[in-house]
Amino acid sequence: MINPLAGPDHEVAGWFHAHLTRTFVSVLRAFTEFGSSEWIGVVLFFMVLYFVWKKYWPSLVTLVVAVPGGMLLNELLKQLVQRHRPFVDGPFVDWSGYSFASGHTIGATLLYGQLALFILPAMKARHWRKLTVCSAAMLIILVGFSRIALGAHFLTDVLAAIVFGVLWLAFCLFAGKPMRRAVVLSPAVPLVDEAALVRIQETGPPAQSLLS
């Protein structure tokens, strides 16, 4: 795949690789765990349990399609592109698999982005909404930065993962609108049909008895 940003990609990767220290690597590995498949799996497990308990079926379907579905598409993209990682071995590096696009970064984008989409409608105060969006964005940025600094991915791998993640979340949001609308509009008690209402209106109020 032709990469117009190959120069900056290698410059950024080389600079971080030359300045890695054990302390810096420890901090970066802590950040990168927020996008690991293990952490995402644990969070998804508890979210699925919660949605099943509350019987929030549209939210459950949206979650499963958005997060695991998007991560699966990213793995297919890796197999199609087959870009090699910036560094495969070194004092602090031991990576395998392909580089484009960053799996940790797209996982964080999908998970924290979808969580924000679930939470935002319930928040009325503007400052809480801003805090939610900023928190999700900060987690995504930290995960992406850690992947670049650790030498696991190029800068364009991370940027592409964020873009793909946002686009996939937007697709899931708009594709799931009819399902959410159907659940909101369906009442718990069946409504009286229109024909029955017309018949009730035509009968009018009961006539008074002559004996009254």
N, C-alpha and C. Protein backbone atom coordinates (compact mmCIF):
# COMPACT_ATOMS: atom_id res chain seq x y z
N MET A 1 0.85 -1.19 0.00
CA MET A 1 0.00 0.00 0.00
C MET A 1 0.88 1.24 0.00
N ILE A 2 0.63 2.16 -0.93
CA ILE A 2 1.41 3.39 -1.01
C ILE A 2 1.06 4.29 0.18
N ASN A 3 2.08 4.73 0.88
CA ASN A 3 1.89 5.57 2.06
C ASN A 3 2.53 6.93 1.81
N PRO A 4 1.71 7.98 1.58
CA PRO A 4 2.30 9.31 1.33
C PRO A 4 2.97 9.90 2.56
N LEU A 5 2.69 9.35 3.73
CA LEU A 5 3.30 9.85 4.97
C LEU A 5 4.37 8.89 5.50
N ALA A 6 5.02 8.17 4.59
CA ALA A 6 6.03 7.20 5.00
C ALA A 6 7.20 7.89 5.71
N GLY A 7 7.58 9.06 5.22
CA GLY A 7 8.69 9.79 5.85
C GLY A 7 8.40 10.14 7.30
N PRO A 8 7.31 10.90 7.56
CA PRO A 8 6.98 11.20 8.97
C PRO A 8 6.73 9.96 9.81
N ASP A 9 6.14 8.92 9.21
CA ASP A 9 5.91 7.68 9.94
C ASP A 9 7.21 7.13 10.52
N HIS A 10 8.23 7.00 9.67
CA HIS A 10 9.49 6.42 10.11
C HIS A 10 10.27 7.36 11.03
N GLU A 11 10.14 8.66 10.82
CA GLU A 11 10.83 9.62 11.70
C GLU A 11 10.27 9.56 13.12
N VAL A 12 8.95 9.55 13.23
CA VAL A 12 8.33 9.49 14.56
C VAL A 12 8.66 8.17 15.24
N ALA A 13 8.54 7.07 14.50
CA ALA A 13 8.83 5.76 15.08
C ALA A 13 10.29 5.66 15.51
N GLY A 14 11.20 6.17 14.68
CA GLY A 14 12.63 6.12 15.03
C GLY A 14 12.96 6.97 16.23
N TRP A 15 12.34 8.14 16.35
CA TRP A 15 12.64 9.03 17.49
C TRP A 15 12.22 8.37 18.81
N PHE A 16 11.02 7.83 18.86
CA PHE A 16 10.56 7.18 20.09
C PHE A 16 11.40 5.94 20.40
N HIS A 17 11.77 5.18 19.36
CA HIS A 17 12.54 3.97 19.58
C HIS A 17 13.91 4.29 20.18
N ALA A 18 14.46 5.44 19.79
CA ALA A 18 15.77 5.84 20.30
C ALA A 18 15.71 6.39 21.71
N HIS A 19 14.52 6.79 22.18
CA HIS A 19 14.40 7.42 23.49
C HIS A 19 13.63 6.57 24.50
N LEU A 20 13.42 5.31 24.18
CA LEU A 20 12.71 4.45 25.13
C LEU A 20 13.60 4.11 26.33
N THR A 21 13.00 4.17 27.50
CA THR A 21 13.65 3.73 28.73
C THR A 21 12.72 2.76 29.44
N ARG A 22 13.23 2.06 30.42
CA ARG A 22 12.39 1.09 31.12
C ARG A 22 11.22 1.76 31.83
N THR A 23 11.47 2.91 32.44
CA THR A 23 10.39 3.62 33.12
C THR A 23 9.34 4.10 32.13
N PHE A 24 9.80 4.67 31.01
CA PHE A 24 8.88 5.16 29.98
C PHE A 24 8.06 4.01 29.42
N VAL A 25 8.69 2.87 29.19
CA VAL A 25 7.99 1.70 28.66
C VAL A 25 6.93 1.21 29.65
N SER A 26 7.25 1.24 30.94
CA SER A 26 6.28 0.79 31.96
C SER A 26 5.03 1.67 31.94
N VAL A 27 5.24 2.98 31.80
CA VAL A 27 4.09 3.90 31.74
C VAL A 27 3.29 3.67 30.47
N LEU A 28 3.99 3.49 29.35
CA LEU A 28 3.31 3.27 28.08
C LEU A 28 2.51 1.97 28.07
N ARG A 29 3.08 0.94 28.67
CA ARG A 29 2.36 -0.34 28.73
C ARG A 29 1.10 -0.23 29.59
N ALA A 30 1.13 0.62 30.61
CA ALA A 30 -0.08 0.84 31.42
C ALA A 30 -1.15 1.52 30.58
N PHE A 31 -0.75 2.49 29.75
CA PHE A 31 -1.71 3.17 28.88
C PHE A 31 -2.28 2.22 27.84
N THR A 32 -1.43 1.40 27.26
CA THR A 32 -1.85 0.54 26.15
C THR A 32 -2.83 -0.54 26.60
N GLU A 33 -2.84 -0.86 27.90
CA GLU A 33 -3.76 -1.88 28.40
C GLU A 33 -5.22 -1.45 28.28
N PHE A 34 -5.48 -0.15 28.23
CA PHE A 34 -6.85 0.33 28.09
C PHE A 34 -7.42 0.04 26.69
N GLY A 35 -6.57 -0.44 25.79
CA GLY A 35 -7.04 -0.84 24.47
C GLY A 35 -6.79 -2.29 24.17
N SER A 36 -6.37 -3.05 25.18
CA SER A 36 -6.06 -4.46 24.96
C SER A 36 -7.35 -5.26 24.80
N SER A 37 -7.25 -6.37 24.10
CA SER A 37 -8.42 -7.21 23.88
C SER A 37 -8.93 -7.81 25.19
N GLU A 38 -8.02 -8.08 26.14
CA GLU A 38 -8.44 -8.63 27.43
C GLU A 38 -9.30 -7.63 28.20
N TRP A 39 -8.83 -6.38 28.26
CA TRP A 39 -9.58 -5.35 28.99
C TRP A 39 -10.92 -5.08 28.31
N ILE A 40 -10.92 -4.98 26.99
CA ILE A 40 -12.15 -4.73 26.26
C ILE A 40 -13.13 -5.89 26.47
N GLY A 41 -12.61 -7.11 26.49
CA GLY A 41 -13.47 -8.26 26.72
C GLY A 41 -14.14 -8.24 28.08
N VAL A 42 -13.39 -7.83 29.12
CA VAL A 42 -13.96 -7.75 30.47
C VAL A 42 -15.06 -6.70 30.52
N VAL A 43 -14.80 -5.51 29.96
CA VAL A 43 -15.80 -4.44 29.97
C VAL A 43 -17.04 -4.87 29.19
N LEU A 44 -16.85 -5.49 28.03
CA LEU A 44 -17.99 -5.94 27.25
C LEU A 44 -18.81 -6.99 27.99
N PHE A 45 -18.14 -7.88 28.71
CA PHE A 45 -18.84 -8.93 29.45
C PHE A 45 -19.81 -8.33 30.45
N PHE A 46 -19.36 -7.36 31.23
CA PHE A 46 -20.22 -6.75 32.24
C PHE A 46 -21.31 -5.88 31.61
N MET A 47 -21.00 -5.25 30.49
CA MET A 47 -22.02 -4.45 29.81
C MET A 47 -23.12 -5.35 29.24
N VAL A 48 -22.72 -6.49 28.68
CA VAL A 48 -23.71 -7.43 28.15
C VAL A 48 -24.60 -7.96 29.27
N LEU A 49 -24.00 -8.30 30.40
CA LEU A 49 -24.79 -8.76 31.55
C LEU A 49 -25.79 -7.69 31.99
N TYR A 50 -25.36 -6.44 32.01
CA TYR A 50 -26.24 -5.35 32.44
C TYR A 50 -27.40 -5.17 31.47
N PHE A 51 -27.11 -5.18 30.17
CA PHE A 51 -28.16 -4.99 29.17
C PHE A 51 -29.15 -6.16 29.16
N VAL A 52 -28.66 -7.37 29.37
CA VAL A 52 -29.55 -8.52 29.45
C VAL A 52 -30.43 -8.43 30.68
N TRP A 53 -29.84 -8.02 31.81
CA TRP A 53 -30.60 -7.88 33.05
C TRP A 53 -31.69 -6.83 32.92
N LYS A 54 -31.37 -5.70 32.28
CA LYS A 54 -32.34 -4.63 32.08
C LYS A 54 -33.23 -4.84 30.86
N LYS A 55 -32.91 -5.86 30.07
CA LYS A 55 -33.63 -6.15 28.84
C LYS A 55 -33.57 -4.99 27.86
N TYR A 56 -32.40 -4.37 27.77
CA TYR A 56 -32.16 -3.32 26.79
C TYR A 56 -31.63 -3.97 25.51
N TRP A 57 -32.52 -4.60 24.77
CA TRP A 57 -32.09 -5.38 23.61
C TRP A 57 -31.50 -4.53 22.49
N PRO A 58 -32.05 -3.38 22.14
CA PRO A 58 -31.41 -2.56 21.10
C PRO A 58 -29.99 -2.14 21.47
N SER A 59 -29.78 -1.77 22.75
CA SER A 59 -28.45 -1.39 23.19
C SER A 59 -27.49 -2.57 23.12
N LEU A 60 -27.99 -3.76 23.46
CA LEU A 60 -27.16 -4.95 23.41
C LEU A 60 -26.72 -5.26 21.98
N VAL A 61 -27.66 -5.19 21.04
CA VAL A 61 -27.33 -5.45 19.64
C VAL A 61 -26.34 -4.41 19.12
N THR A 62 -26.58 -3.15 19.46
CA THR A 62 -25.68 -2.08 19.02
C THR A 62 -24.27 -2.29 19.56
N LEU A 63 -24.17 -2.66 20.82
CA LEU A 63 -22.86 -2.88 21.45
C LEU A 63 -22.10 -4.01 20.75
N VAL A 64 -22.78 -5.12 20.52
CA VAL A 64 -22.11 -6.28 19.91
C VAL A 64 -21.68 -5.98 18.48
N VAL A 65 -22.52 -5.30 17.73
CA VAL A 65 -22.18 -4.99 16.34
C VAL A 65 -21.07 -3.93 16.28
N ALA A 66 -21.15 -2.93 17.16
CA ALA A 66 -20.22 -1.81 17.10
C ALA A 66 -18.81 -2.20 17.52
N VAL A 67 -18.67 -2.85 18.68
CA VAL A 67 -17.32 -3.09 19.22
C VAL A 67 -16.68 -4.36 18.66
N PRO A 68 -17.20 -5.55 18.97
CA PRO A 68 -16.57 -6.74 18.38
C PRO A 68 -16.64 -6.76 16.85
N GLY A 69 -17.75 -6.27 16.31
CA GLY A 69 -17.88 -6.25 14.85
C GLY A 69 -16.85 -5.35 14.20
N GLY A 70 -16.64 -4.17 14.77
CA GLY A 70 -15.63 -3.26 14.22
C GLY A 70 -14.22 -3.79 14.37
N MET A 71 -13.93 -4.44 15.48
CA MET A 71 -12.59 -5.02 15.68
C MET A 71 -12.34 -6.16 14.71
N LEU A 72 -13.38 -6.93 14.40
CA LEU A 72 -13.23 -8.01 13.42
C LEU A 72 -12.95 -7.45 12.03
N LEU A 73 -13.64 -6.38 11.65
CA LEU A 73 -13.37 -5.75 10.36
C LEU A 73 -11.94 -5.22 10.29
N ASN A 74 -11.44 -4.72 11.41
CA ASN A 74 -10.07 -4.22 11.43
C ASN A 74 -9.06 -5.35 11.21
N GLU A 75 -9.35 -6.53 11.77
CA GLU A 75 -8.46 -7.67 11.54
C GLU A 75 -8.47 -8.07 10.07
N LEU A 76 -9.62 -8.00 9.43
CA LEU A 76 -9.69 -8.29 7.99
C LEU A 76 -8.89 -7.26 7.20
N LEU A 77 -8.95 -6.00 7.63
CA LEU A 77 -8.18 -4.95 6.96
C LEU A 77 -6.68 -5.20 7.09
N LYS A 78 -6.25 -5.67 8.27
CA LYS A 78 -4.83 -5.99 8.45
C LYS A 78 -4.36 -7.06 7.47
N GLN A 79 -5.19 -8.07 7.29
CA GLN A 79 -4.82 -9.15 6.38
C GLN A 79 -4.78 -8.67 4.92
N LEU A 80 -5.62 -7.68 4.59
CA LEU A 80 -5.62 -7.16 3.23
C LEU A 80 -4.40 -6.28 2.96
N VAL A 81 -4.06 -5.42 3.93
CA VAL A 81 -2.97 -4.46 3.74
C VAL A 81 -1.61 -5.11 3.98
N GLN A 82 -1.48 -5.88 5.07
CA GLN A 82 -0.25 -6.59 5.43
C GLN A 82 0.95 -5.65 5.55
N ARG A 83 0.77 -4.57 6.24
CA ARG A 83 1.90 -3.67 6.52
C ARG A 83 2.68 -4.19 7.72
N HIS A 84 3.98 -4.20 7.60
CA HIS A 84 4.82 -4.68 8.71
C HIS A 84 4.96 -3.60 9.77
N ARG A 85 5.24 -4.03 10.99
CA ARG A 85 5.36 -3.10 12.11
C ARG A 85 6.66 -2.31 12.01
N PRO A 86 6.72 -1.15 12.69
CA PRO A 86 7.95 -0.35 12.65
C PRO A 86 9.16 -1.12 13.16
N PHE A 87 9.00 -1.82 14.27
CA PHE A 87 10.08 -2.60 14.88
C PHE A 87 9.52 -3.93 15.34
N VAL A 88 10.23 -4.98 15.02
CA VAL A 88 9.80 -6.32 15.41
C VAL A 88 10.54 -6.82 16.63
N ASP A 89 11.80 -6.43 16.77
CA ASP A 89 12.57 -6.85 17.94
C ASP A 89 13.42 -5.68 18.43
N GLY A 90 13.88 -5.78 19.65
CA GLY A 90 14.67 -4.74 20.29
C GLY A 90 14.65 -4.91 21.79
N PRO A 91 15.28 -3.98 22.53
CA PRO A 91 15.32 -4.12 24.00
C PRO A 91 13.96 -4.06 24.67
N PHE A 92 13.01 -3.31 24.09
CA PHE A 92 11.69 -3.19 24.71
C PHE A 92 10.57 -3.60 23.76
N VAL A 93 10.91 -4.22 22.65
CA VAL A 93 9.92 -4.49 21.61
C VAL A 93 9.87 -5.99 21.32
N ASP A 94 8.67 -6.52 21.24
CA ASP A 94 8.46 -7.91 20.85
C ASP A 94 7.05 -8.04 20.29
N TRP A 95 6.88 -7.62 19.01
CA TRP A 95 5.56 -7.59 18.42
C TRP A 95 5.44 -8.63 17.33
N SER A 96 4.23 -9.03 17.06
CA SER A 96 3.95 -9.94 15.96
C SER A 96 2.69 -9.45 15.25
N GLY A 97 2.44 -10.01 14.07
CA GLY A 97 1.26 -9.59 13.33
C GLY A 97 1.52 -8.35 12.49
N TYR A 98 0.46 -7.87 11.85
CA TYR A 98 0.58 -6.73 10.96
C TYR A 98 0.25 -5.43 11.69
N SER A 99 0.59 -4.33 11.02
CA SER A 99 0.56 -3.03 11.69
C SER A 99 -0.67 -2.18 11.37
N PHE A 100 -1.16 -2.20 10.13
CA PHE A 100 -2.23 -1.30 9.71
C PHE A 100 -3.57 -2.04 9.69
N ALA A 101 -4.56 -1.53 10.44
CA ALA A 101 -4.53 -0.39 11.34
C ALA A 101 -4.39 -0.89 12.78
N SER A 102 -4.13 0.02 13.70
CA SER A 102 -3.86 -0.36 15.08
C SER A 102 -5.08 -1.00 15.73
N GLY A 103 -4.94 -2.26 16.15
CA GLY A 103 -6.06 -2.95 16.80
C GLY A 103 -6.39 -2.38 18.17
N HIS A 104 -5.36 -2.05 18.95
CA HIS A 104 -5.59 -1.45 20.27
C HIS A 104 -6.34 -0.12 20.13
N THR A 105 -5.91 0.68 19.16
CA THR A 105 -6.51 2.02 19.01
C THR A 105 -7.95 1.93 18.53
N ILE A 106 -8.23 1.07 17.57
CA ILE A 106 -9.62 0.98 17.10
C ILE A 106 -10.49 0.35 18.18
N GLY A 107 -9.93 -0.58 18.96
CA GLY A 107 -10.69 -1.15 20.06
C GLY A 107 -11.07 -0.10 21.09
N ALA A 108 -10.11 0.77 21.43
CA ALA A 108 -10.40 1.85 22.37
C ALA A 108 -11.39 2.84 21.79
N THR A 109 -11.25 3.16 20.50
CA THR A 109 -12.19 4.09 19.85
C THR A 109 -13.60 3.54 19.87
N LEU A 110 -13.75 2.27 19.56
CA LEU A 110 -15.08 1.66 19.52
C LEU A 110 -15.67 1.53 20.92
N LEU A 111 -14.89 1.08 21.88
CA LEU A 111 -15.41 0.85 23.22
C LEU A 111 -15.79 2.15 23.91
N TYR A 112 -14.84 3.07 24.01
CA TYR A 112 -15.11 4.31 24.74
C TYR A 112 -16.02 5.25 23.95
N GLY A 113 -15.95 5.18 22.63
CA GLY A 113 -16.89 5.97 21.83
C GLY A 113 -18.31 5.49 22.01
N GLN A 114 -18.51 4.16 22.00
CA GLN A 114 -19.86 3.61 22.18
C GLN A 114 -20.36 3.86 23.59
N LEU A 115 -19.49 3.76 24.58
CA LEU A 115 -19.89 4.08 25.96
C LEU A 115 -20.37 5.53 26.06
N ALA A 116 -19.63 6.43 25.41
CA ALA A 116 -20.04 7.84 25.43
C ALA A 116 -21.39 8.03 24.76
N LEU A 117 -21.64 7.32 23.67
CA LEU A 117 -22.93 7.43 22.99
C LEU A 117 -24.07 6.90 23.85
N PHE A 118 -23.79 5.89 24.67
CA PHE A 118 -24.81 5.38 25.58
C PHE A 118 -25.09 6.37 26.71
N ILE A 119 -24.06 7.05 27.19
CA ILE A 119 -24.18 7.90 28.38
C ILE A 119 -24.73 9.29 28.05
N LEU A 120 -24.31 9.84 26.93
CA LEU A 120 -24.64 11.24 26.61
C LEU A 120 -26.13 11.56 26.64
N PRO A 121 -27.03 10.72 26.08
CA PRO A 121 -28.45 11.08 26.11
C PRO A 121 -29.03 11.22 27.51
N ALA A 122 -28.42 10.58 28.50
CA ALA A 122 -28.94 10.66 29.87
C ALA A 122 -28.43 11.88 30.61
N MET A 123 -27.52 12.64 30.03
CA MET A 123 -26.93 13.79 30.70
C MET A 123 -27.55 15.08 30.18
N LYS A 124 -28.04 15.87 31.10
CA LYS A 124 -28.68 17.13 30.73
C LYS A 124 -27.71 18.31 30.82
N ALA A 125 -26.84 18.29 31.82
CA ALA A 125 -25.90 19.40 32.00
C ALA A 125 -24.81 19.37 30.93
N ARG A 126 -24.51 20.54 30.38
CA ARG A 126 -23.53 20.61 29.30
C ARG A 126 -22.14 20.24 29.78
N HIS A 127 -21.77 20.62 30.99
CA HIS A 127 -20.41 20.34 31.46
C HIS A 127 -20.16 18.84 31.63
N TRP A 128 -21.21 18.11 32.02
CA TRP A 128 -21.06 16.66 32.14
C TRP A 128 -20.92 16.01 30.78
N ARG A 129 -21.62 16.54 29.80
CA ARG A 129 -21.51 16.01 28.44
C ARG A 129 -20.11 16.26 27.89
N LYS A 130 -19.59 17.46 28.13
CA LYS A 130 -18.23 17.77 27.68
C LYS A 130 -17.20 16.88 28.37
N LEU A 131 -17.40 16.64 29.67
CA LEU A 131 -16.48 15.80 30.42
C LEU A 131 -16.49 14.37 29.89
N THR A 132 -17.66 13.86 29.53
CA THR A 132 -17.77 12.51 28.99
C THR A 132 -17.03 12.39 27.66
N VAL A 133 -17.25 13.36 26.76
CA VAL A 133 -16.59 13.33 25.46
C VAL A 133 -15.08 13.47 25.61
N CYS A 134 -14.65 14.40 26.47
CA CYS A 134 -13.21 14.61 26.66
C CYS A 134 -12.55 13.39 27.29
N SER A 135 -13.23 12.73 28.21
CA SER A 135 -12.66 11.54 28.85
C SER A 135 -12.49 10.41 27.84
N ALA A 136 -13.50 10.19 27.01
CA ALA A 136 -13.39 9.16 25.98
C ALA A 136 -12.28 9.48 25.00
N ALA A 137 -12.20 10.75 24.58
CA ALA A 137 -11.16 11.15 23.63
C ALA A 137 -9.77 11.00 24.25
N MET A 138 -9.63 11.34 25.52
CA MET A 138 -8.33 11.25 26.18
C MET A 138 -7.85 9.80 26.28
N LEU A 139 -8.76 8.88 26.60
CA LEU A 139 -8.39 7.47 26.66
C LEU A 139 -7.94 6.95 25.30
N ILE A 140 -8.65 7.35 24.26
CA ILE A 140 -8.30 6.91 22.91
C ILE A 140 -6.93 7.46 22.52
N ILE A 141 -6.68 8.73 22.82
CA ILE A 141 -5.40 9.36 22.48
C ILE A 141 -4.26 8.70 23.24
N LEU A 142 -4.46 8.40 24.51
CA LEU A 142 -3.41 7.77 25.30
C LEU A 142 -3.06 6.38 24.75
N VAL A 143 -4.09 5.62 24.38
CA VAL A 143 -3.84 4.29 23.82
C VAL A 143 -3.08 4.42 22.49
N GLY A 144 -3.53 5.32 21.63
CA GLY A 144 -2.87 5.50 20.35
C GLY A 144 -1.43 5.97 20.51
N PHE A 145 -1.21 6.92 21.40
CA PHE A 145 0.15 7.42 21.65
C PHE A 145 1.06 6.31 22.15
N SER A 146 0.54 5.48 23.05
CA SER A 146 1.36 4.40 23.60
C SER A 146 1.76 3.41 22.52
N ARG A 147 0.87 3.15 21.56
CA ARG A 147 1.19 2.20 20.50
C ARG A 147 2.30 2.74 19.58
N ILE A 148 2.27 4.06 19.34
CA ILE A 148 3.33 4.67 18.52
C ILE A 148 4.65 4.67 19.27
N ALA A 149 4.61 5.12 20.53
CA ALA A 149 5.84 5.25 21.31
C ALA A 149 6.49 3.90 21.59
N LEU A 150 5.71 2.86 21.74
CA LEU A 150 6.26 1.53 21.99
C LEU A 150 6.83 0.87 20.73
N GLY A 151 6.59 1.48 19.58
CA GLY A 151 7.09 0.91 18.34
C GLY A 151 6.21 -0.16 17.76
N ALA A 152 4.97 -0.26 18.25
CA ALA A 152 4.05 -1.28 17.74
C ALA A 152 3.37 -0.84 16.46
N HIS A 153 3.23 0.49 16.26
CA HIS A 153 2.51 1.00 15.10
C HIS A 153 3.11 2.31 14.62
N PHE A 154 2.89 2.57 13.35
CA PHE A 154 3.23 3.88 12.78
C PHE A 154 2.13 4.88 13.15
N LEU A 155 2.45 6.15 12.95
CA LEU A 155 1.48 7.21 13.22
C LEU A 155 0.23 7.03 12.36
N THR A 156 0.40 6.70 11.09
CA THR A 156 -0.76 6.53 10.21
C THR A 156 -1.60 5.32 10.59
N ASP A 157 -1.00 4.30 11.21
CA ASP A 157 -1.78 3.16 11.70
C ASP A 157 -2.78 3.60 12.76
N VAL A 158 -2.32 4.47 13.65
CA VAL A 158 -3.17 4.94 14.74
C VAL A 158 -4.24 5.89 14.22
N LEU A 159 -3.83 6.84 13.36
CA LEU A 159 -4.81 7.79 12.81
C LEU A 159 -5.88 7.07 12.01
N ALA A 160 -5.48 6.09 11.22
CA ALA A 160 -6.45 5.33 10.42
C ALA A 160 -7.41 4.57 11.32
N ALA A 161 -6.90 3.99 12.41
CA ALA A 161 -7.75 3.25 13.34
C ALA A 161 -8.80 4.16 13.96
N ILE A 162 -8.41 5.37 14.32
CA ILE A 162 -9.37 6.32 14.92
C ILE A 162 -10.44 6.70 13.89
N VAL A 163 -10.01 6.99 12.67
CA VAL A 163 -10.96 7.37 11.62
C VAL A 163 -11.92 6.21 11.32
N PHE A 164 -11.39 5.01 11.16
CA PHE A 164 -12.24 3.85 10.89
C PHE A 164 -13.21 3.60 12.04
N GLY A 165 -12.71 3.74 13.26
CA GLY A 165 -13.57 3.53 14.43
C GLY A 165 -14.71 4.52 14.50
N VAL A 166 -14.42 5.79 14.24
CA VAL A 166 -15.46 6.82 14.28
C VAL A 166 -16.49 6.58 13.17
N LEU A 167 -16.02 6.24 11.98
CA LEU A 167 -16.93 5.98 10.87
C LEU A 167 -17.82 4.76 11.15
N TRP A 168 -17.25 3.72 11.74
CA TRP A 168 -18.04 2.54 12.05
C TRP A 168 -19.08 2.83 13.13
N LEU A 169 -18.70 3.61 14.13
CA LEU A 169 -19.67 4.00 15.17
C LEU A 169 -20.80 4.84 14.58
N ALA A 170 -20.45 5.75 13.67
CA ALA A 170 -21.48 6.56 13.02
C ALA A 170 -22.42 5.69 12.20
N PHE A 171 -21.87 4.71 11.49
CA PHE A 171 -22.70 3.79 10.72
C PHE A 171 -23.64 3.01 11.63
N CYS A 172 -23.12 2.48 12.74
CA CYS A 172 -23.95 1.71 13.68
C CYS A 172 -25.02 2.59 14.31
N LEU A 173 -24.68 3.85 14.57
CA LEU A 173 -25.65 4.77 15.18
C LEU A 173 -26.83 5.01 14.26
N PHE A 174 -26.56 5.30 12.99
CA PHE A 174 -27.64 5.60 12.06
C PHE A 174 -28.38 4.33 11.62
N ALA A 175 -27.65 3.21 11.50
CA ALA A 175 -28.30 1.96 11.10
C ALA A 175 -29.22 1.44 12.20
N GLY A 176 -28.91 1.75 13.46
CA GLY A 176 -29.72 1.26 14.56
C GLY A 176 -30.88 2.15 14.93
N LYS A 177 -31.04 3.29 14.25
CA LYS A 177 -32.14 4.20 14.57
C LYS A 177 -33.52 3.57 14.42
N PRO A 178 -33.80 2.88 13.32
CA PRO A 178 -35.13 2.27 13.19
C PRO A 178 -35.44 1.28 14.30
N MET A 179 -34.45 0.52 14.73
CA MET A 179 -34.67 -0.45 15.80
C MET A 179 -34.99 0.24 17.12
N ARG A 180 -34.23 1.30 17.43
CA ARG A 180 -34.49 2.03 18.68
C ARG A 180 -35.83 2.74 18.63
N ARG A 181 -36.20 3.29 17.46
CA ARG A 181 -37.48 3.98 17.32
C ARG A 181 -38.64 3.01 17.49
N ALA A 182 -38.50 1.80 16.97
CA ALA A 182 -39.56 0.81 17.09
C ALA A 182 -39.80 0.42 18.53
N VAL A 183 -38.73 0.34 19.32
CA VAL A 183 -38.87 -0.01 20.73
C VAL A 183 -39.52 1.12 21.51
N VAL A 184 -39.17 2.37 21.17
CA VAL A 184 -39.74 3.52 21.88
C VAL A 184 -41.22 3.68 21.57
N LEU A 185 -41.61 3.46 20.30
CA LEU A 185 -42.99 3.70 19.89
C LEU A 185 -43.92 2.56 20.25
N SER A 186 -43.39 1.36 20.47
CA SER A 186 -44.28 0.24 20.80
C SER A 186 -44.72 0.33 22.24
N PRO A 187 -46.03 0.48 22.54
CA PRO A 187 -46.51 0.65 23.90
C PRO A 187 -46.60 -0.67 24.63
N ALA A 188 -46.66 -0.58 25.94
CA ALA A 188 -46.80 -1.78 26.76
C ALA A 188 -48.20 -2.36 26.64
N VAL A 189 -49.22 -1.48 26.48
CA VAL A 189 -50.61 -1.93 26.35
C VAL A 189 -51.06 -1.64 24.93
N PRO A 190 -51.69 -2.60 24.24
CA PRO A 190 -52.11 -2.37 22.86
C PRO A 190 -53.08 -1.19 22.76
N LEU A 191 -52.85 -0.34 21.76
CA LEU A 191 -53.72 0.80 21.55
C LEU A 191 -55.01 0.36 20.86
N VAL A 192 -56.10 1.11 21.09
CA VAL A 192 -57.36 0.85 20.38
C VAL A 192 -57.19 1.27 18.93
N ASP A 193 -57.58 0.41 18.01
CA ASP A 193 -57.36 0.74 16.60
C ASP A 193 -58.27 1.89 16.18
N GLU A 194 -57.92 2.48 15.02
CA GLU A 194 -58.61 3.69 14.57
C GLU A 194 -60.08 3.42 14.27
N ALA A 195 -60.39 2.26 13.69
CA ALA A 195 -61.78 1.94 13.35
C ALA A 195 -62.64 1.89 14.60
N ALA A 196 -62.12 1.32 15.67
CA ALA A 196 -62.87 1.24 16.92
C ALA A 196 -63.13 2.62 17.48
N LEU A 197 -62.16 3.52 17.36
CA LEU A 197 -62.35 4.89 17.85
C LEU A 197 -63.46 5.59 17.08
N VAL A 198 -63.52 5.35 15.76
CA VAL A 198 -64.57 5.98 14.94
C VAL A 198 -65.94 5.48 15.38
N ARG A 199 -66.07 4.18 15.62
CA ARG A 199 -67.36 3.63 16.05
C ARG A 199 -67.78 4.20 17.39
N ILE A 200 -66.85 4.38 18.30
CA ILE A 200 -67.17 4.94 19.62
C ILE A 200 -67.66 6.38 19.48
N GLN A 201 -66.98 7.15 18.59
CA GLN A 201 -67.38 8.54 18.42
C GLN A 201 -68.76 8.64 17.77
N GLU A 202 -69.11 7.72 16.83
CA GLU A 202 -70.39 7.78 16.15
C GLU A 202 -71.55 7.45 17.08
N THR A 203 -71.35 6.61 18.07
CA THR A 203 -72.44 6.24 18.97
C THR A 203 -72.83 7.41 19.86
N GLY A 204 -71.86 8.24 20.21
CA GLY A 204 -72.15 9.39 21.03
C GLY A 204 -72.50 9.01 22.44
N PRO A 205 -72.90 9.99 23.28
CA PRO A 205 -73.23 9.68 24.68
C PRO A 205 -74.56 8.94 24.77
N PRO A 206 -74.77 8.11 25.78
CA PRO A 206 -76.04 7.36 25.92
C PRO A 206 -77.23 8.29 26.17
N ALA A 207 -78.37 7.98 25.54
CA ALA A 207 -79.56 8.82 25.70
C ALA A 207 -80.14 8.66 27.09
N GLN A 208 -80.73 9.76 27.61
CA GLN A 208 -81.33 9.69 28.95
C GLN A 208 -82.65 8.95 28.89
N SER A 209 -82.95 8.24 29.94
CA SER A 209 -84.19 7.47 30.02
C SER A 209 -85.39 8.39 30.23
N LEU A 210 -86.55 8.06 29.64
CA LEU A 210 -87.75 8.88 29.82
C LEU A 210 -88.28 8.81 31.24
N LEU A 211 -87.90 7.76 31.97
CA LEU A 211 -88.39 7.62 33.32
C LEU A 211 -87.60 8.43 34.33
N SER A 212 -86.49 9.00 33.89
CA SER A 212 -85.66 9.74 34.86
C SER A 212 -86.26 11.10 35.11
